């Protein structure tokens, strides 16, 4: 009996060699379309054009070519069903036992910076998903391949036949529905952005490929995997395999460093910054960031927004770090840092952008847009009697960028483009302030003339008074408390500057 294989691929990696094996070793007859048919013919693989097989021409710029009963009947027909087989025979429909299809590159097309809406829509595949779904539905009889990486397994299982082939067909059918689901999700996401003004979608479609199975999750007894295109933005040069917690920390570090234009270095622990500084050089920035807290950086994450050179590598190699992230490493820096075999070195091309943030909750997911609102000094309001000096303004704007990335309740004491004390994640804002003051004292740093930044409003005046006693001369906060007047009055009584940003940055 004639064995038919339908091959129509956008990604033509390995397809010629695969098709030759099918013909020469397994006596398949190849059906194909367009560019795939030309490629096979040019490489000596005999094939029949689908339009010749169906007797129906390709039309409408190739939009209609495989949507035909002789194609889908050959895929969906149940071989063990006598009625199906009779209807196929009566309508001259032959069985298609193998389908090799990968889809138009929609995701790659819309990722291009100059992609137009017309380009995107033309790269929505119709016939491809239809054939894949038909073949996958009938996987007891049909082998379906959507990934060139599976060609070798298909050839091996085809030779073995029986249960081994059936096991592979089940695996490949599942893979097809995962692929078509992700493909449709990408299309829905793109159209939501263009047709729905970026509003939250009515249905949240998440179709992301598994790119890495983690050794474990937050704890050794938890299973974990990394999905999506993390590797598009981060490339590991050296060190142990990334852990679940590493990836969360890397994401937090990349978001934080994206806030700054000047040479900046940040040290993070469990996603919280424990020291940040902007200076003329990264070595100076390290000295000031590390001075904020000389204990917490042990086992932490270091991130910079400039090329990391040997001078800084020599310094930071003296302490134990989990991950170091930079847009680029010099050869000399790599030579120094790679002496630590477990130290993970990551090149980052990530720039903060609008993205949907998703968290699992009981019975579903929470989704929100990213906390990436543009904040201008001109939109902030000085509510105190005393106006800030230029130095106080600079310190407040710096502290405000940092406190945005500290877990709530968050308090940051800062000087001129450097942190002095950080208090994170306490149940009371006063507790966070006390921790930040204690951290500064432990590090031997003076808070005299510092500023204090608070991610949310001071609900009572006590937090502000405590900051004044610690030495702060200015405070930046969202405002919006029913007791704002009391807090402003306390600022005036302590000759402090008070600035309301009118924007809150809770981070749970």
Protein backbone atom coordinates (compact mmCIF):
# COMPACT_ATOMS: atom_id res chain seq x y z
CA UNK A 1 0.00 0.00 0.00
CA UNK A 2 1.21 3.48 -0.88
CA UNK A 3 2.43 5.46 2.16
CA UNK A 4 1.90 9.19 2.00
CA UNK A 5 3.81 11.85 3.96
CA UNK A 6 2.82 15.49 3.76
CA UNK A 7 5.73 17.88 4.35
CA UNK A 8 5.25 21.66 4.43
CA UNK A 9 7.62 23.62 6.63
CA UNK A 10 8.71 27.20 7.25
CA UNK A 11 11.77 26.08 9.22
CA UNK A 12 13.56 23.88 6.70
CA UNK A 13 16.33 22.71 9.04
CA UNK A 14 17.14 19.08 8.24
CA UNK A 15 14.03 18.54 6.12
CA UNK A 16 15.87 17.39 2.97
CA UNK A 17 17.79 14.68 4.81
CA UNK A 18 14.65 13.62 6.66
CA UNK A 19 12.59 13.38 3.47
CA UNK A 20 15.30 11.35 1.73
CA UNK A 21 15.26 8.82 4.56
CA UNK A 22 11.46 8.56 4.38
CA UNK A 23 11.59 7.86 0.64
CA UNK A 24 14.64 5.62 0.46
CA UNK A 25 14.25 3.65 3.70
CA UNK A 26 10.49 3.56 4.25
CA UNK A 27 9.17 3.95 0.71
CA UNK A 28 7.08 7.04 1.41
CA UNK A 29 5.56 9.20 -1.32
CA UNK A 30 5.98 12.87 -0.45
CA UNK A 31 3.25 15.49 -0.80
CA UNK A 32 4.44 19.05 -0.45
CA UNK A 33 3.74 22.73 -1.10
CA UNK A 34 5.46 25.89 -2.30
CA UNK A 35 8.98 26.51 -1.13
CA UNK A 36 9.28 23.13 0.59
CA UNK A 37 8.39 21.30 -2.64
CA UNK A 38 10.98 23.31 -4.59
CA UNK A 39 13.67 22.66 -2.00
CA UNK A 40 13.03 18.92 -2.01
CA UNK A 41 12.91 18.71 -5.81
CA UNK A 42 16.12 20.72 -6.15
CA UNK A 43 17.81 18.23 -3.82
CA UNK A 44 16.66 15.14 -5.67
CA UNK A 45 13.67 14.20 -3.51
CA UNK A 46 10.69 13.35 -5.68
CA UNK A 47 7.47 14.92 -4.43
CA UNK A 48 3.96 15.69 -5.58
CA UNK A 49 2.56 19.20 -5.22
CA UNK A 50 -0.52 19.26 -3.04
CA UNK A 51 -2.43 21.17 -5.74
CA UNK A 52 -1.72 18.35 -8.22
CA UNK A 53 -2.82 15.77 -5.65
CA UNK A 54 -6.08 17.52 -4.76
CA UNK A 55 -6.79 18.78 -8.27
CA UNK A 56 -7.43 22.18 -6.71
CA UNK A 57 -5.01 25.07 -7.33
CA UNK A 58 -3.32 27.15 -4.67
CA UNK A 59 -5.04 30.52 -4.62
CA UNK A 60 -5.29 33.85 -2.88
CA UNK A 61 -1.51 34.20 -2.51
CA UNK A 62 -1.25 30.74 -0.98
CA UNK A 63 -3.87 31.37 1.69
CA UNK A 64 -5.86 28.41 0.35
CA UNK A 65 -3.92 25.27 -0.55
CA UNK A 66 -4.21 22.47 2.01
CA UNK A 67 -7.77 23.12 3.23
CA UNK A 68 -9.24 20.28 1.18
CA UNK A 69 -11.14 17.01 1.96
CA UNK A 70 -8.45 14.91 0.26
CA UNK A 71 -5.97 16.29 2.79
CA UNK A 72 -8.04 16.36 5.97
CA UNK A 73 -9.94 13.19 5.08
CA UNK A 74 -6.61 11.41 4.71
CA UNK A 75 -5.57 12.68 8.14
CA UNK A 76 -8.79 12.19 10.10
CA UNK A 77 -9.98 8.87 8.70
CA UNK A 78 -9.99 6.13 11.34
CA UNK A 79 -8.27 3.17 9.70
CA UNK A 80 -10.08 0.65 11.90
CA UNK A 81 -13.51 2.11 11.07
CA UNK A 82 -14.97 0.33 8.03
CA UNK A 83 -17.44 3.13 7.28
CA UNK A 84 -14.63 5.73 7.33
CA UNK A 85 -12.51 3.64 5.01
CA UNK A 86 -15.41 3.06 2.57
CA UNK A 87 -16.23 6.78 2.45
CA UNK A 88 -12.56 7.52 1.81
CA UNK A 89 -12.47 4.98 -1.01
CA UNK A 90 -15.71 6.28 -2.53
CA UNK A 91 -14.23 9.81 -2.61
CA UNK A 92 -10.75 8.81 -3.81
CA UNK A 93 -9.17 9.89 -0.50
CA UNK A 94 -5.85 8.22 0.31
CA UNK A 95 -4.50 7.80 3.82
CA UNK A 96 -1.77 10.24 4.92
CA UNK A 97 0.32 8.52 7.58
CA UNK A 98 2.85 11.22 8.37
CA UNK A 99 2.53 15.00 8.59
CA UNK A 100 5.54 17.31 8.96
CA UNK A 101 4.47 20.93 9.45
CA UNK A 102 5.89 23.87 11.32
CA UNK A 103 4.10 27.15 11.35
CA UNK A 104 4.60 30.57 9.78
CA UNK A 105 7.03 32.47 12.04
CA UNK A 106 4.44 34.73 13.66
CA UNK A 107 6.33 35.23 16.94
CA UNK A 108 9.59 36.07 15.16
CA UNK A 109 7.78 38.43 12.79
CA UNK A 110 6.08 40.52 15.49
CA UNK A 111 9.35 40.65 17.46
CA UNK A 112 10.93 42.69 14.68
CA UNK A 113 11.00 46.42 15.51
CA UNK A 114 9.69 47.41 12.04
CA UNK A 115 6.88 44.84 11.92
CA UNK A 116 3.63 46.26 10.55
CA UNK A 117 0.14 45.06 11.38
CA UNK A 118 -0.16 43.82 7.79
CA UNK A 119 3.06 41.79 8.13
CA UNK A 120 1.82 40.27 11.36
CA UNK A 121 -1.54 39.22 9.94
CA UNK A 122 0.03 37.69 6.83
CA UNK A 123 2.14 35.52 9.14
CA UNK A 124 -0.89 34.00 10.85
CA UNK A 125 -0.85 30.40 9.66
CA UNK A 126 -4.22 28.76 8.92
CA UNK A 127 -3.54 25.59 6.96
CA UNK A 128 -0.60 24.58 9.14
CA UNK A 129 -2.44 24.49 12.50
CA UNK A 130 -5.41 22.82 10.80
CA UNK A 131 -3.27 19.96 9.48
CA UNK A 132 -1.41 19.61 12.76
CA UNK A 133 -4.62 19.45 14.77
CA UNK A 134 -6.23 16.95 12.40
CA UNK A 135 -3.19 14.68 12.47
CA UNK A 136 -2.76 15.02 16.24
CA UNK A 137 -6.42 14.14 16.83
CA UNK A 138 -5.89 10.93 14.85
CA UNK A 139 -2.48 10.13 16.36
CA UNK A 140 -3.35 6.44 16.77
CA UNK A 141 -2.97 6.22 12.98
CA UNK A 142 -0.92 9.29 12.03
CA UNK A 143 2.54 10.48 13.05
CA UNK A 144 2.63 14.27 13.35
CA UNK A 145 5.83 16.34 13.57
CA UNK A 146 5.96 20.08 14.32
CA UNK A 147 9.61 20.34 15.43
CA UNK A 148 12.67 19.50 13.33
CA UNK A 149 14.36 18.35 16.53
CA UNK A 150 12.11 15.26 16.47
CA UNK A 151 13.15 13.98 13.02
CA UNK A 152 15.68 11.47 14.34
CA UNK A 153 13.22 10.03 16.87
CA UNK A 154 10.57 9.67 14.15
CA UNK A 155 12.93 7.73 11.87
CA UNK A 156 13.97 5.44 14.72
CA UNK A 157 10.39 4.78 15.90
CA UNK A 158 9.16 4.26 12.34
CA UNK A 159 11.75 1.54 11.93
CA UNK A 160 10.79 -0.08 15.25
CA UNK A 161 7.05 0.22 14.63
CA UNK A 162 4.48 -1.22 17.04
CA UNK A 163 4.33 0.10 20.59
CA UNK A 164 7.43 2.29 20.22
CA UNK A 165 5.87 4.18 17.30
CA UNK A 166 2.58 4.54 19.17
CA UNK A 167 4.37 5.91 22.24
CA UNK A 168 6.12 8.50 20.09
CA UNK A 169 2.87 9.43 18.32
CA UNK A 170 1.23 10.15 21.68
CA UNK A 171 4.16 12.32 22.73
CA UNK A 172 4.19 14.22 19.42
CA UNK A 173 0.40 14.76 19.47
CA UNK A 174 0.69 16.40 22.89
CA UNK A 175 3.53 18.55 21.59
CA UNK A 176 1.36 19.70 18.67
CA UNK A 177 -1.44 20.95 20.91
CA UNK A 178 1.08 22.69 23.15
CA UNK A 179 2.56 24.37 20.07
CA UNK A 180 -0.74 25.43 18.51
CA UNK A 181 -1.96 26.69 21.89
CA UNK A 182 1.16 28.83 22.29
CA UNK A 183 0.83 30.04 18.69
CA UNK A 184 -2.78 31.15 19.20
CA UNK A 185 -1.82 32.79 22.50
CA UNK A 186 0.89 34.82 20.74
CA UNK A 187 -1.61 35.98 18.11
CA UNK A 188 -4.24 36.87 20.73
CA UNK A 189 -1.67 38.81 22.77
CA UNK A 190 -0.50 40.77 19.73
CA UNK A 191 -4.02 41.62 18.59
CA UNK A 192 -5.04 42.62 22.11
CA UNK A 193 -2.15 45.08 22.15
CA UNK A 194 -3.12 46.52 18.76
CA UNK A 195 -6.92 46.36 18.85
CA UNK A 196 -7.67 46.69 22.56
CA UNK A 197 -5.27 49.54 23.41
CA UNK A 198 -3.25 47.20 25.59
CA UNK A 199 -6.13 46.75 28.07
CA UNK A 200 -6.23 43.54 30.07
CA UNK A 201 -7.48 40.74 27.81
CA UNK A 202 -10.90 39.16 28.36
CA UNK A 203 -9.16 35.78 28.35
CA UNK A 204 -5.58 35.42 29.52
CA UNK A 205 -3.78 33.13 27.08
CA UNK A 206 -0.43 31.86 28.32
CA UNK A 207 1.45 29.61 25.95
CA UNK A 208 5.13 29.48 26.84
CA UNK A 209 7.60 26.70 26.03
CA UNK A 210 9.52 24.92 28.76
CA UNK A 211 13.13 26.02 28.24
CA UNK A 212 14.70 24.59 31.36
CA UNK A 213 13.78 22.14 34.09
CA UNK A 214 15.15 23.42 37.38
CA UNK A 215 16.86 21.14 39.91
CA UNK A 216 14.11 22.23 42.32
CA UNK A 217 11.99 25.25 43.23
CA UNK A 218 12.35 27.61 46.18
CA UNK A 219 13.00 24.53 48.31
CA UNK A 220 14.43 21.09 47.43
CA UNK A 221 11.07 19.29 47.71
CA UNK A 222 9.42 21.56 45.09
CA UNK A 223 9.49 20.87 41.34
CA UNK A 224 10.11 23.84 39.04
CA UNK A 225 10.61 24.78 35.41
CA UNK A 226 11.47 27.92 33.45
CA UNK A 227 9.09 28.83 30.62
CA UNK A 228 9.23 31.53 27.96
CA UNK A 229 12.10 33.47 26.42
CA UNK A 230 14.28 34.29 29.43
CA UNK A 231 17.32 33.27 27.36
CA UNK A 232 16.50 36.00 24.85
CA UNK A 233 17.56 38.60 27.44
CA UNK A 234 20.11 36.77 29.58
CA UNK A 235 23.05 34.62 28.51
CA UNK A 236 25.06 32.61 31.02
CA UNK A 237 28.82 32.69 30.44
CA UNK A 238 30.00 30.71 33.43
CA UNK A 239 29.03 28.98 36.64
CA UNK A 240 26.56 26.52 38.04
CA UNK A 241 23.15 25.96 36.52
CA UNK A 242 20.71 28.72 37.44
CA UNK A 243 18.29 27.96 40.24
CA UNK A 244 14.66 28.99 40.61
CA UNK A 245 15.63 31.63 43.17
CA UNK A 246 18.50 32.87 40.98
CA UNK A 247 16.10 33.62 38.15
CA UNK A 248 13.75 35.56 40.42
CA UNK A 249 16.69 37.57 41.77
CA UNK A 250 18.09 38.20 38.27
CA UNK A 251 14.72 39.56 37.16
CA UNK A 252 14.55 41.91 40.16
CA UNK A 253 18.13 43.08 39.58
CA UNK A 254 17.54 43.74 35.89
CA UNK A 255 14.41 45.76 36.61
CA UNK A 256 16.21 47.84 39.23
CA UNK A 257 19.31 48.65 37.16
CA UNK A 258 17.10 49.70 34.25
CA UNK A 259 16.09 52.76 36.28
CA UNK A 260 19.52 54.37 35.96
CA UNK A 261 21.43 56.12 33.17
CA UNK A 262 24.70 56.95 34.94
CA UNK A 263 27.20 54.19 35.76
CA UNK A 264 25.38 52.30 38.51
CA UNK A 265 25.95 49.22 40.61
CA UNK A 266 23.37 47.46 42.76
CA UNK A 267 23.69 44.61 45.22
CA UNK A 268 20.54 42.58 45.90
CA UNK A 269 19.57 39.83 48.31
CA UNK A 270 16.28 37.94 47.99
CA UNK A 271 15.13 40.54 45.38
CA UNK A 272 15.70 43.47 47.77
CA UNK A 273 18.45 46.01 47.08
CA UNK A 274 20.87 46.18 50.00
CA UNK A 275 23.09 48.79 48.34
CA UNK A 276 22.87 50.97 45.23
CA UNK A 277 25.07 53.78 43.96
CA UNK A 278 25.58 55.85 40.81
CA UNK A 279 29.07 57.31 40.25
CA UNK A 280 31.50 58.27 37.53
CA UNK A 281 33.00 54.78 37.68
CA UNK A 282 31.70 51.35 38.65
CA UNK A 283 34.48 50.92 41.19
CA UNK A 284 33.32 54.06 43.02
CA UNK A 285 29.73 52.82 42.74
CA UNK A 286 30.76 49.48 44.28
CA UNK A 287 32.51 51.18 47.19
CA UNK A 288 29.43 53.21 48.04
CA UNK A 289 26.86 50.46 47.40
CA UNK A 290 28.81 47.88 49.42
CA UNK A 291 29.31 50.37 52.25
CA UNK A 292 25.54 50.53 52.75
CA UNK A 293 25.53 46.98 54.10
CA UNK A 294 28.73 44.94 54.31
CA UNK A 295 27.00 41.77 55.60
CA UNK A 296 23.98 41.24 53.36
CA UNK A 297 25.90 41.07 50.04
CA UNK A 298 27.34 37.66 51.02
CA UNK A 299 25.65 35.23 48.63
CA UNK A 300 23.89 38.06 46.82
CA UNK A 301 23.41 39.36 43.29
CA UNK A 302 25.57 42.11 41.79
CA UNK A 303 24.33 44.00 38.73
CA UNK A 304 25.91 46.83 36.74
CA UNK A 305 24.81 48.85 33.71
CA UNK A 306 28.25 49.25 32.12
CA UNK A 307 30.96 46.91 30.87
CA UNK A 308 32.51 45.15 33.84
CA UNK A 309 36.30 45.61 33.77
CA UNK A 310 39.19 43.94 35.60
CA UNK A 311 39.48 46.63 38.29
CA UNK A 312 35.98 45.93 39.57
CA UNK A 313 36.31 42.17 39.01
CA UNK A 314 39.35 42.11 41.30
CA UNK A 315 37.38 43.78 44.08
CA UNK A 316 34.12 41.87 43.90
CA UNK A 317 35.89 38.53 43.55
CA UNK A 318 36.92 38.94 47.19
CA UNK A 319 33.40 38.17 48.43
CA UNK A 320 31.07 35.26 47.73
CA UNK A 321 28.33 36.13 45.23
CA UNK A 322 25.72 33.94 43.58
CA UNK A 323 25.32 35.89 40.32
CA UNK A 324 26.99 38.84 38.59
CA UNK A 325 25.08 40.55 35.78
CA UNK A 326 26.50 43.01 33.25
CA UNK A 327 25.82 44.10 29.67
CA UNK A 328 29.41 43.04 28.89
CA UNK A 329 32.51 41.61 30.60
CA UNK A 330 36.08 42.37 29.55
CA UNK A 331 38.34 39.40 28.83
CA UNK A 332 40.46 40.29 31.85
CA UNK A 333 37.39 40.46 34.10
CA UNK A 334 36.22 37.06 32.88
CA UNK A 335 39.63 35.55 33.56
CA UNK A 336 39.47 36.81 37.15
CA UNK A 337 35.85 35.89 37.87
CA UNK A 338 35.91 32.48 36.18
CA UNK A 339 38.39 31.28 38.75
CA UNK A 340 35.31 30.77 40.90
CA UNK A 341 33.79 27.76 39.19
CA UNK A 342 30.32 28.12 40.69
CA UNK A 343 29.91 31.89 40.22
CA UNK A 344 27.21 32.53 37.65
CA UNK A 345 28.15 35.25 35.16
CA UNK A 346 25.27 36.63 33.11
CA UNK A 347 25.26 38.96 30.11
CA UNK A 348 22.05 41.00 30.06
CA UNK A 349 20.44 42.79 27.13
CA UNK A 350 17.24 43.42 29.06
CA UNK A 351 15.70 46.89 29.20
CA UNK A 352 12.64 47.49 31.35
CA UNK A 353 9.50 47.46 29.26
CA UNK A 354 5.76 47.06 29.52
CA UNK A 355 4.95 43.49 30.42
CA UNK A 356 2.07 41.72 32.07
CA UNK A 357 2.92 40.53 35.58
CA UNK A 358 1.21 37.31 36.62
CA UNK A 359 0.92 35.58 40.00
CA UNK A 360 -0.88 32.38 40.87
CA UNK A 361 -3.68 32.56 43.42
CA UNK A 362 -6.25 30.08 44.67
CA UNK A 363 -8.40 29.12 41.70
CA UNK A 364 -6.63 31.19 39.07
CA UNK A 365 -4.18 33.95 38.29
CA UNK A 366 -3.80 37.63 39.09
CA UNK A 367 -2.48 39.80 36.27
CA UNK A 368 -1.42 43.43 36.21
CA UNK A 369 0.53 45.77 33.99
CA UNK A 370 4.11 46.51 35.08
CA UNK A 371 4.99 49.27 37.52
CA UNK A 372 6.68 51.32 34.80
CA UNK A 373 4.88 54.65 34.99
CA UNK A 374 6.97 57.64 33.89
CA UNK A 375 7.55 59.94 36.85
CA UNK A 376 8.66 63.51 36.25
CA UNK A 377 10.02 65.89 38.83
CA UNK A 378 7.64 68.51 37.42
CA UNK A 379 4.66 66.38 38.50
CA UNK A 380 5.84 66.13 42.10
CA UNK A 381 4.65 68.62 44.70
CA UNK A 382 6.64 70.24 47.50
CA UNK A 383 4.13 70.38 50.37
CA UNK A 384 6.46 71.63 53.11
CA UNK A 385 7.26 75.26 53.88
CA UNK A 386 10.92 74.73 53.13
CA UNK A 387 11.93 74.16 49.53
CA UNK A 388 14.47 71.42 48.72
CA UNK A 389 18.03 72.26 47.79
CA UNK A 390 19.40 70.89 44.55
CA UNK A 391 21.34 68.26 46.53
CA UNK A 392 18.17 67.20 48.35
CA UNK A 393 16.27 66.94 45.07
CA UNK A 394 18.97 64.72 43.56
CA UNK A 395 19.04 62.51 46.63
CA UNK A 396 15.25 62.25 46.76
CA UNK A 397 14.93 61.31 43.09
CA UNK A 398 17.62 58.68 43.53
CA UNK A 399 16.04 57.26 46.67
CA UNK A 400 12.65 57.20 44.98
CA UNK A 401 14.02 55.03 42.17
CA UNK A 402 15.46 52.58 44.68
CA UNK A 403 12.53 52.37 47.10
CA UNK A 404 10.31 51.35 44.19
CA UNK A 405 12.23 48.05 44.12
CA UNK A 406 12.16 47.31 47.86
CA UNK A 407 9.48 45.02 49.33
CA UNK A 408 6.76 46.86 51.24
CA UNK A 409 6.73 48.35 53.76
CA UNK A 410 9.79 49.99 52.25
CA UNK A 411 12.03 52.73 53.59
CA UNK A 412 15.26 53.93 51.98
CA UNK A 413 17.67 56.49 53.40
CA UNK A 414 19.84 57.98 50.67
CA UNK A 415 22.46 60.61 50.07
CA UNK A 416 23.71 61.99 46.79
CA UNK A 417 23.11 59.09 44.38
CA UNK A 418 23.81 56.40 46.95
CA UNK A 419 21.90 54.39 49.51
CA UNK A 420 22.68 54.76 53.22
CA UNK A 421 20.16 52.42 54.81
CA UNK A 422 17.41 50.11 53.53
CA UNK A 423 14.47 48.71 55.49
CA UNK A 424 12.32 46.16 53.69
CA UNK A 425 9.20 44.10 54.11
CA UNK A 426 8.12 44.95 57.65
CA UNK A 427 4.57 44.96 58.93
CA UNK A 428 5.01 48.53 60.20
CA UNK A 429 6.58 51.39 58.28
CA UNK A 430 8.20 52.57 61.52
CA UNK A 431 9.83 49.13 61.88
CA UNK A 432 11.22 49.41 58.33
CA UNK A 433 12.59 52.85 59.18
CA UNK A 434 14.20 51.56 62.37
CA UNK A 435 15.85 48.70 60.46
CA UNK A 436 17.16 51.12 57.82
CA UNK A 437 18.61 53.37 60.56
CA UNK A 438 20.13 50.36 62.32
CA UNK A 439 21.68 49.14 59.06
CA UNK A 440 23.28 52.54 58.50
CA UNK A 441 24.61 52.57 62.05
CA UNK A 442 26.02 49.05 61.65
CA UNK A 443 27.81 50.20 58.50
CA UNK A 444 29.17 53.29 60.26
CA UNK A 445 27.28 55.65 57.95
CA UNK A 446 25.89 58.97 59.10
CA UNK A 447 22.31 59.85 58.21
CA UNK A 448 22.83 63.53 58.94
CA UNK A 449 21.61 65.44 55.89
CA UNK A 450 20.13 62.35 54.29
CA UNK A 451 16.74 61.96 52.66
CA UNK A 452 14.15 59.30 53.43
CA UNK A 453 12.01 57.69 50.71
CA UNK A 454 8.84 55.75 51.50
CA UNK A 455 7.07 53.56 48.94
CA UNK A 456 3.64 54.50 50.36
CA UNK A 457 2.33 57.35 52.47
CA UNK A 458 3.28 57.85 56.10
CA UNK A 459 0.02 56.94 57.87
CA UNK A 460 1.10 58.78 61.00
CA UNK A 461 3.63 61.48 61.81
CA UNK A 462 5.71 59.14 64.00
CA UNK A 463 7.56 57.62 61.02
CA UNK A 464 8.59 61.04 59.77
CA UNK A 465 9.62 62.23 63.23
CA UNK A 466 11.79 59.13 63.62
CA UNK A 467 13.45 59.94 60.28
CA UNK A 468 14.12 63.50 61.41
CA UNK A 469 15.70 62.25 64.65
CA UNK A 470 17.90 59.94 62.58
CA UNK A 471 19.20 62.97 60.67
CA UNK A 472 17.07 63.10 57.52
CA UNK A 473 16.36 66.60 56.22
CA UNK A 474 13.94 65.68 53.43
CA UNK A 475 11.29 63.07 52.74
CA UNK A 476 9.74 61.84 49.50
CA UNK A 477 6.52 59.84 49.59
CA UNK A 478 3.30 59.43 47.59
CA UNK A 479 1.01 61.33 49.96
CA UNK A 480 -2.67 60.55 50.14
CA UNK A 481 -3.14 59.72 53.82
CA UNK A 482 -6.10 61.10 55.79
CA UNK A 483 -3.41 62.41 58.16
CA UNK A 484 -1.31 64.15 55.50
CA UNK A 485 -1.75 67.47 57.26
CA UNK A 486 -0.35 66.03 60.50
CA UNK A 487 2.65 64.61 58.63
CA UNK A 488 3.28 67.87 56.78
CA UNK A 489 3.02 69.77 60.05
CA UNK A 490 5.61 67.42 61.59
CA UNK A 491 7.90 68.06 58.63
CA UNK A 492 7.61 71.81 59.07
CA UNK A 493 8.19 71.57 62.82
CA UNK A 494 11.41 69.67 62.11
CA UNK A 495 12.42 72.02 59.26
CA UNK A 496 12.20 69.13 56.84
CA UNK A 497 11.37 69.15 53.15
CA UNK A 498 8.37 67.05 52.19
CA UNK A 499 7.66 66.05 48.57
CA UNK A 500 4.54 64.21 47.41
CA UNK A 501 5.01 62.13 44.24
CA UNK A 502 1.30 61.23 43.96
CA UNK A 503 2.40 57.72 42.87
CA UNK A 504 2.60 54.66 45.12
CA UNK A 505 5.00 51.74 44.63
CA UNK A 506 3.83 48.84 46.77
CA UNK A 507 5.78 45.64 46.12
CA UNK A 508 4.29 42.54 47.74
